[in-house]
Amino acid sequence: MTHLSTFPPPPLPAAPRPALRRARRAEAGALAALLADAFHDDPLTRWITPDPGRRARVLPALFGVFLDMSFAYDAVTCTPDLDAVLLWTPPGAQAELEARGEEFAVRFEDVLGVREAASLALIAELQASRHPARPHYYASFGAVRGGARGRGLLGALISGMLREADAAGCGAYAEASSPGGEASARGQGFVRSGEDIVLPDGGPRLRPMWREPR
């Protein structure tokens, strides 16, 4: 029930590979704040919670729920200084998370209220209808601190997930929410996977992307 808002812009050339590690649950608060800041002006969060002041208040708790989802699979990777983070899930996780849908629905409603939680549920429903049937790794949310952008940090985190997918012989799936995100995903070996996911009432669109294992 997650989504990747956008892939990062292409990194600057000739940069050394950044150090990466698994995040710890004790770091969830700092990572939720990083994600909330990065996604404050994202088209999807604006569609769910139009008021910017309210959006700033609810996003940390919202991302706390999404972090719990990925932490359940040890699938939160970050840079050592917490300047960048990627939430993802391994094969089989999406079905297990969907089986816990009622539990998460209550948590999302506690954070967002009934109306906005319904908007989030609609996004999740549309996304679930397009998830590949094949076993796959799913990149859901990624963020980089403002002053650390342009160093290839998020691209390195995604590459790390892809190395795990390749080692397992599994594909990878994500949704890009902008043409720039799609271009960056293509640079990671992703290709378009079917038609766009279009949200109603003039909402944004998501571009499903798939990458075969290598």
Protein backbone atom coordinates (compact mmCIF):
# COMPACT_ATOMS: atom_id res chain seq x y z
CA MET A 1 0.00 0.00 0.00
CA THR A 2 2.91 2.22 -0.74
CA HIS A 3 4.15 4.26 -3.63
CA LEU A 4 7.30 5.90 -4.88
CA SER A 5 6.62 9.52 -5.61
CA THR A 6 9.56 10.05 -7.90
CA PHE A 7 12.96 8.75 -8.71
CA PRO A 8 15.85 11.13 -8.08
CA PRO A 9 17.37 13.28 -10.81
CA PRO A 10 20.39 11.68 -12.51
CA PRO A 11 23.42 11.95 -10.19
CA LEU A 12 26.48 13.99 -11.01
CA PRO A 13 29.13 11.92 -12.84
CA ALA A 14 32.36 10.54 -11.36
CA ALA A 15 31.08 10.44 -7.77
CA PRO A 16 32.21 7.52 -5.56
CA ARG A 17 29.53 5.07 -4.47
CA PRO A 18 27.95 6.38 -1.23
CA ALA A 19 28.03 4.25 1.90
CA LEU A 20 24.72 2.52 2.60
CA ARG A 21 23.29 0.56 5.51
CA ARG A 22 20.08 -0.85 6.93
CA ALA A 23 18.19 1.67 9.04
CA ARG A 24 17.34 0.94 12.67
CA ARG A 25 13.89 1.26 14.20
CA ALA A 26 15.27 3.76 16.71
CA GLU A 27 15.87 6.06 13.73
CA ALA A 28 12.23 5.95 12.59
CA GLY A 29 11.40 9.40 13.95
CA ALA A 30 14.26 11.10 12.12
CA LEU A 31 13.50 9.22 8.92
CA ALA A 32 9.79 10.06 9.12
CA ALA A 33 10.71 13.74 9.44
CA LEU A 34 13.02 13.47 6.42
CA LEU A 35 10.29 11.82 4.32
CA ALA A 36 7.66 14.31 5.48
CA ASP A 37 9.83 17.24 4.45
CA ALA A 38 10.73 15.71 1.08
CA PHE A 39 7.12 14.84 0.24
CA HIS A 40 5.45 17.99 1.56
CA ASP A 41 4.96 19.43 -1.94
CA ASP A 42 4.61 16.11 -3.76
CA PRO A 43 1.57 15.88 -6.07
CA LEU A 44 0.22 12.81 -4.29
CA THR A 45 0.42 14.19 -0.76
CA ARG A 46 -1.08 17.47 -1.97
CA TRP A 47 -3.95 15.51 -3.52
CA ILE A 48 -4.54 13.61 -0.27
CA THR A 49 -4.12 16.60 2.07
CA PRO A 50 -4.58 19.89 0.18
CA ASP A 51 -3.99 22.24 3.12
CA PRO A 52 -0.21 22.79 3.45
CA GLY A 53 -0.26 23.47 7.18
CA ARG A 54 -2.22 20.34 7.93
CA ARG A 55 -0.03 18.38 5.53
CA ALA A 56 3.07 19.39 7.47
CA ARG A 57 1.43 18.20 10.69
CA VAL A 58 0.20 14.79 9.51
CA LEU A 59 2.98 13.62 7.20
CA PRO A 60 5.49 12.58 9.89
CA ALA A 61 2.92 10.23 11.47
CA LEU A 62 1.80 9.01 8.05
CA PHE A 63 5.34 8.09 7.10
CA GLY A 64 5.73 6.46 10.49
CA VAL A 65 3.14 3.91 9.36
CA PHE A 66 4.88 3.34 6.04
CA LEU A 67 8.20 2.93 7.84
CA ASP A 68 6.64 0.25 10.04
CA MET A 69 5.60 -1.62 6.91
CA SER A 70 9.13 -1.73 5.53
CA PHE A 71 10.84 -2.23 8.90
CA ALA A 72 8.81 -5.44 9.25
CA TYR A 73 10.97 -6.82 6.41
CA ASP A 74 14.26 -5.11 7.32
CA ALA A 75 13.71 -3.16 4.11
CA VAL A 76 14.63 0.41 5.05
CA THR A 77 18.02 1.44 3.71
CA CYS A 78 19.75 4.73 4.32
CA THR A 79 23.02 6.59 4.28
CA PRO A 80 24.96 6.55 7.57
CA ASP A 81 24.16 10.23 8.24
CA LEU A 82 20.44 9.76 7.44
CA ASP A 83 20.65 12.21 4.54
CA ALA A 84 18.80 9.74 2.29
CA VAL A 85 16.41 6.85 2.80
CA LEU A 86 14.62 4.25 0.70
CA LEU A 87 11.59 2.23 1.79
CA TRP A 88 10.97 -0.98 -0.11
CA THR A 89 9.55 -4.47 0.32
CA PRO A 90 10.75 -7.90 -0.81
CA PRO A 91 8.74 -10.50 -2.74
CA GLY A 92 5.62 -11.66 -0.92
CA ALA A 93 5.46 -8.68 1.39
CA GLN A 94 2.70 -6.87 -0.46
CA ALA A 95 0.31 -9.81 -0.08
CA GLU A 96 1.09 -10.01 3.64
CA LEU A 97 0.59 -6.27 4.09
CA GLU A 98 -2.71 -6.42 2.21
CA ALA A 99 -3.83 -9.18 4.58
CA ARG A 100 -3.23 -6.68 7.40
CA GLY A 101 -5.23 -4.06 5.53
CA GLU A 102 -7.83 -3.49 8.26
CA GLU A 103 -5.11 -2.84 10.84
CA PHE A 104 -3.41 -0.28 8.62
CA ALA A 105 -6.72 1.30 7.61
CA VAL A 106 -7.38 2.11 11.28
CA ARG A 107 -3.92 3.61 11.67
CA PHE A 108 -4.24 5.71 8.53
CA GLU A 109 -7.65 6.99 9.62
CA ASP A 110 -6.21 7.91 13.02
CA VAL A 111 -3.55 9.98 11.26
CA LEU A 112 -5.51 11.47 8.37
CA GLY A 113 -9.16 11.41 9.34
CA VAL A 114 -11.93 9.68 7.41
CA ARG A 115 -11.91 11.74 4.19
CA GLU A 116 -8.18 11.86 3.60
CA ALA A 117 -7.74 8.22 4.61
CA ALA A 118 -10.33 7.36 1.95
CA SER A 119 -8.23 9.22 -0.63
CA LEU A 120 -5.15 7.26 0.42
CA ALA A 121 -7.13 4.01 0.27
CA LEU A 122 -8.17 4.82 -3.30
CA ILE A 123 -4.53 5.30 -4.29
CA ALA A 124 -3.63 1.99 -2.66
CA GLU A 125 -6.49 0.22 -4.43
CA LEU A 126 -5.45 1.54 -7.83
CA GLN A 127 -1.83 0.62 -7.17
CA ALA A 128 -2.68 -2.89 -5.98
CA SER A 129 -4.64 -3.52 -9.17
CA ARG A 130 -1.49 -2.89 -11.19
CA HIS A 131 1.13 -4.70 -9.13
CA PRO A 132 2.79 -7.47 -11.15
CA ALA A 133 1.79 -11.03 -10.33
CA ARG A 134 5.41 -12.14 -10.59
CA PRO A 135 7.55 -12.09 -7.42
CA HIS A 136 9.22 -8.70 -7.21
CA TYR A 137 10.93 -6.12 -5.05
CA TYR A 138 8.89 -2.94 -4.67
CA ALA A 139 10.49 0.49 -4.22
CA SER A 140 7.93 2.57 -2.38
CA PHE A 141 9.29 5.82 -0.94
CA GLY A 142 12.64 7.51 -1.28
CA ALA A 143 13.85 10.85 0.01
CA VAL A 144 17.02 12.94 0.17
CA ARG A 145 17.67 15.87 2.50
CA GLY A 146 17.65 19.16 0.60
CA GLY A 147 21.32 20.00 1.06
CA ALA A 148 22.41 16.50 0.02
CA ARG A 149 20.62 16.34 -3.33
CA GLY A 150 22.57 15.95 -6.55
CA ARG A 151 25.08 13.50 -5.04
CA GLY A 152 23.42 10.33 -6.28
CA LEU A 153 22.37 9.16 -2.82
CA LEU A 154 18.89 7.94 -3.63
CA GLY A 155 20.06 6.40 -6.88
CA ALA A 156 22.66 4.46 -4.88
CA LEU A 157 19.98 3.25 -2.47
CA ILE A 158 17.81 2.06 -5.34
CA SER A 159 20.82 0.34 -6.92
CA GLY A 160 21.41 -1.45 -3.62
CA MET A 161 17.86 -2.78 -3.64
CA LEU A 162 18.27 -3.84 -7.26
CA ARG A 163 21.42 -5.81 -6.42
CA GLU A 164 19.39 -7.77 -3.87
CA ALA A 165 16.65 -8.31 -6.43
CA ASP A 166 19.16 -9.55 -9.00
CA ALA A 167 20.76 -11.90 -6.48
CA ALA A 168 17.32 -13.37 -5.78
CA GLY A 169 16.49 -13.61 -9.49
CA CYS A 170 13.49 -11.30 -9.03
CA GLY A 171 12.27 -8.27 -10.91
CA ALA A 172 11.65 -4.85 -9.38
CA TYR A 173 8.63 -2.58 -9.58
CA ALA A 174 7.98 1.08 -8.78
CA GLU A 175 5.73 3.96 -9.76
CA ALA A 176 7.20 7.25 -11.00
CA SER A 177 5.08 10.38 -10.65
CA SER A 178 6.88 12.66 -13.09
CA PRO A 179 8.56 12.50 -16.52
CA GLY A 180 11.87 13.20 -14.80
CA GLY A 181 11.25 10.33 -12.42
CA GLU A 182 10.48 8.07 -15.35
CA ALA A 183 13.71 9.09 -17.08
CA SER A 184 15.74 8.34 -13.97
CA ALA A 185 13.99 4.99 -13.56
CA ARG A 186 14.91 4.12 -17.13
CA GLY A 187 18.50 4.89 -16.23
CA GLN A 188 18.24 2.16 -13.57
CA GLY A 189 16.96 -0.33 -16.15
CA PHE A 190 13.22 0.13 -15.58
CA VAL A 191 10.74 0.27 -18.46
CA ARG A 192 7.10 1.36 -18.56
CA SER A 193 4.65 -1.31 -17.47
CA GLY A 194 1.21 -0.64 -18.90
CA GLU A 195 -0.92 2.48 -18.81
CA ASP A 196 -0.60 5.28 -16.28
CA ILE A 197 -2.52 5.14 -13.00
CA VAL A 198 -4.66 8.28 -13.14
CA LEU A 199 -6.27 9.67 -9.99
CA PRO A 200 -9.71 11.30 -10.27
CA ASP A 201 -10.71 14.96 -9.91
CA GLY A 202 -7.68 16.27 -11.73
CA GLY A 203 -5.30 14.30 -9.54
CA PRO A 204 -1.77 13.30 -10.51
CA ARG A 205 -0.80 10.21 -12.43
CA LEU A 206 1.64 7.43 -11.62
CA ARG A 207 3.75 5.67 -14.22
CA PRO A 208 4.18 1.95 -13.41
CA MET A 209 7.77 0.83 -14.05
CA TRP A 210 9.27 -2.66 -14.19
CA ARG A 211 12.84 -3.96 -14.25
CA GLU A 212 13.78 -7.51 -15.18
CA PRO A 213 16.41 -9.25 -13.04
CA ARG A 214 19.98 -9.23 -14.30
